[in-house]
Structure formats: structure tokens, C-alpha cells
């Protein structure tokens, strides 16, 4: 990310913008795949998001 985090508010906003889509997607995947493979899907989602950052 090119911007500097100068205040706590900036940090909270960035954190919210990154965590919200991850949680929403995780809940969606969990509801769609409530049996085997859920952990794998969530792990894949989390690592993909981290690699993109």
C-alpha cells in the first residue's frame, strides 16, 4: 500500500476495509460448503488475500 498510516483512524479504516470482505466471503463460503473442505477454502481465501496485499 502506497499510503502512510498517520493516525489511528487511518489504521482502523484500512483494517476495516481489509477485514470486512474477508469475513463476508468466509461466511458465504461457510454457508455454501458446511461440510468437508471448509477449512481449506477459508485458508485459501485468507492466504490469497494476504498475498494480494
N, C-alpha and C. Protein backbone atom coordinates (compact mmCIF):
# COMPACT_ATOMS: atom_id res chain seq x y z
N UNK A 1 0.83 -1.17 0.00
CA UNK A 1 0.00 0.00 0.00
C UNK A 1 0.88 1.24 0.00
N UNK A 2 0.58 2.17 -0.85
CA UNK A 2 1.45 3.32 -1.03
C UNK A 2 1.30 4.39 0.03
N UNK A 3 0.17 4.40 0.75
CA UNK A 3 -0.08 5.47 1.71
C UNK A 3 0.55 5.18 3.05
N UNK A 4 0.94 6.26 3.73
CA UNK A 4 1.42 6.10 5.09
C UNK A 4 0.24 6.15 6.04
N UNK A 5 0.31 5.35 7.07
CA UNK A 5 -0.73 5.38 8.09
C UNK A 5 -0.31 6.41 9.13
N UNK A 6 -1.01 7.52 9.19
CA UNK A 6 -0.60 8.61 10.08
C UNK A 6 -1.38 8.65 11.39
N UNK A 7 -2.63 8.25 11.35
CA UNK A 7 -3.43 8.31 12.57
C UNK A 7 -4.05 6.95 12.86
N UNK A 8 -4.55 6.83 14.05
CA UNK A 8 -5.23 5.60 14.45
C UNK A 8 -6.48 5.39 13.62
N UNK A 9 -7.14 6.50 13.26
CA UNK A 9 -8.35 6.41 12.44
C UNK A 9 -8.03 5.82 11.06
N UNK A 10 -6.91 6.26 10.46
CA UNK A 10 -6.49 5.69 9.18
C UNK A 10 -6.29 4.18 9.31
N UNK A 11 -5.63 3.79 10.38
CA UNK A 11 -5.35 2.38 10.61
C UNK A 11 -6.65 1.59 10.76
N UNK A 12 -7.58 2.13 11.54
CA UNK A 12 -8.87 1.44 11.74
C UNK A 12 -9.63 1.31 10.42
N UNK A 13 -9.60 2.37 9.62
CA UNK A 13 -10.33 2.34 8.35
C UNK A 13 -9.72 1.30 7.41
N UNK A 14 -8.41 1.27 7.32
CA UNK A 14 -7.74 0.30 6.45
C UNK A 14 -8.01 -1.12 6.94
N UNK A 15 -7.92 -1.31 8.25
CA UNK A 15 -8.18 -2.63 8.83
C UNK A 15 -9.60 -3.07 8.51
N UNK A 16 -10.55 -2.16 8.67
CA UNK A 16 -11.95 -2.47 8.39
C UNK A 16 -12.15 -2.83 6.92
N UNK A 17 -11.52 -2.05 6.03
CA UNK A 17 -11.67 -2.30 4.60
C UNK A 17 -11.08 -3.65 4.20
N UNK A 18 -10.05 -4.11 4.91
CA UNK A 18 -9.45 -5.40 4.57
C UNK A 18 -10.16 -6.57 5.22
N UNK A 19 -10.61 -6.38 6.45
CA UNK A 19 -11.19 -7.50 7.19
C UNK A 19 -12.64 -7.76 6.79
N UNK A 20 -13.39 -6.71 6.50
CA UNK A 20 -14.81 -6.88 6.15
C UNK A 20 -15.03 -7.84 4.98
N UNK A 21 -14.36 -7.64 3.82
CA UNK A 21 -14.59 -8.56 2.70
C UNK A 21 -14.16 -9.99 3.04
N UNK A 22 -13.11 -10.14 3.82
CA UNK A 22 -12.64 -11.48 4.19
C UNK A 22 -13.71 -12.18 5.03
N UNK A 23 -14.26 -11.47 6.00
CA UNK A 23 -15.29 -12.08 6.85
C UNK A 23 -16.55 -12.40 6.07
N UNK A 24 -16.96 -11.49 5.20
CA UNK A 24 -18.17 -11.72 4.40
C UNK A 24 -17.97 -12.94 3.49
N UNK A 25 -16.83 -12.99 2.83
CA UNK A 25 -16.54 -14.12 1.93
C UNK A 25 -16.43 -15.42 2.73
N UNK A 26 -15.80 -15.36 3.90
CA UNK A 26 -15.66 -16.55 4.73
C UNK A 26 -17.03 -17.08 5.16
N UNK A 27 -17.92 -16.16 5.56
CA UNK A 27 -19.27 -16.58 5.94
C UNK A 27 -20.02 -17.17 4.76
N UNK A 28 -19.86 -16.56 3.60
CA UNK A 28 -20.53 -17.07 2.41
C UNK A 28 -20.04 -18.47 2.07
N UNK A 29 -18.73 -18.66 2.11
CA UNK A 29 -18.16 -19.97 1.80
C UNK A 29 -18.61 -20.99 2.85
N UNK A 30 -18.60 -20.57 4.11
CA UNK A 30 -19.00 -21.48 5.18
C UNK A 30 -20.46 -21.92 5.02
N UNK A 31 -21.31 -21.01 4.61
CA UNK A 31 -22.72 -21.35 4.40
C UNK A 31 -22.92 -22.22 3.17
N UNK A 32 -22.11 -22.00 2.14
CA UNK A 32 -22.25 -22.78 0.91
C UNK A 32 -21.62 -24.16 1.06
N UNK A 33 -20.57 -24.26 1.86
CA UNK A 33 -19.84 -25.52 1.99
C UNK A 33 -19.74 -25.89 3.47
N UNK A 34 -20.83 -26.31 4.07
CA UNK A 34 -20.82 -26.57 5.52
C UNK A 34 -20.22 -27.93 5.91
N UNK A 35 -19.62 -28.64 4.96
CA UNK A 35 -19.02 -29.94 5.30
C UNK A 35 -17.53 -29.91 4.97
N UNK A 36 -16.97 -30.99 4.46
CA UNK A 36 -15.54 -31.08 4.22
C UNK A 36 -15.08 -30.00 3.25
N UNK A 37 -13.87 -29.54 3.46
CA UNK A 37 -13.30 -28.56 2.55
C UNK A 37 -13.48 -27.13 3.01
N UNK A 38 -14.25 -26.92 4.06
CA UNK A 38 -14.49 -25.55 4.52
C UNK A 38 -13.20 -24.92 5.01
N UNK A 39 -12.47 -25.66 5.83
CA UNK A 39 -11.21 -25.11 6.33
C UNK A 39 -10.25 -24.81 5.20
N UNK A 40 -10.17 -25.70 4.24
CA UNK A 40 -9.28 -25.50 3.10
C UNK A 40 -9.69 -24.25 2.34
N UNK A 41 -10.98 -24.08 2.12
CA UNK A 41 -11.47 -22.91 1.39
C UNK A 41 -11.15 -21.63 2.15
N UNK A 42 -11.38 -21.62 3.45
CA UNK A 42 -11.10 -20.43 4.25
C UNK A 42 -9.61 -20.13 4.28
N UNK A 43 -8.79 -21.17 4.42
CA UNK A 43 -7.34 -20.99 4.42
C UNK A 43 -6.87 -20.43 3.09
N UNK A 44 -7.40 -20.97 1.99
CA UNK A 44 -7.05 -20.49 0.66
C UNK A 44 -7.44 -19.03 0.51
N UNK A 45 -8.62 -18.69 0.97
CA UNK A 45 -9.11 -17.31 0.88
C UNK A 45 -8.19 -16.37 1.66
N UNK A 46 -7.86 -16.76 2.88
CA UNK A 46 -7.01 -15.91 3.73
C UNK A 46 -5.63 -15.73 3.12
N UNK A 47 -5.01 -16.81 2.65
CA UNK A 47 -3.67 -16.70 2.09
C UNK A 47 -3.69 -15.91 0.79
N UNK A 48 -4.72 -16.08 -0.02
CA UNK A 48 -4.82 -15.33 -1.26
C UNK A 48 -4.91 -13.84 -0.95
N UNK A 49 -5.72 -13.48 0.01
CA UNK A 49 -5.89 -12.08 0.39
C UNK A 49 -4.57 -11.51 0.90
N UNK A 50 -3.83 -12.29 1.68
CA UNK A 50 -2.55 -11.82 2.22
C UNK A 50 -1.54 -11.64 1.08
N UNK A 51 -1.52 -12.56 0.13
CA UNK A 51 -0.58 -12.47 -0.98
C UNK A 51 -0.88 -11.28 -1.87
N UNK A 52 -2.16 -10.93 -2.02
CA UNK A 52 -2.52 -9.78 -2.85
C UNK A 52 -2.06 -8.48 -2.20
N UNK A 53 -2.09 -8.42 -0.87
CA UNK A 53 -1.78 -7.18 -0.15
C UNK A 53 -0.37 -6.68 -0.41
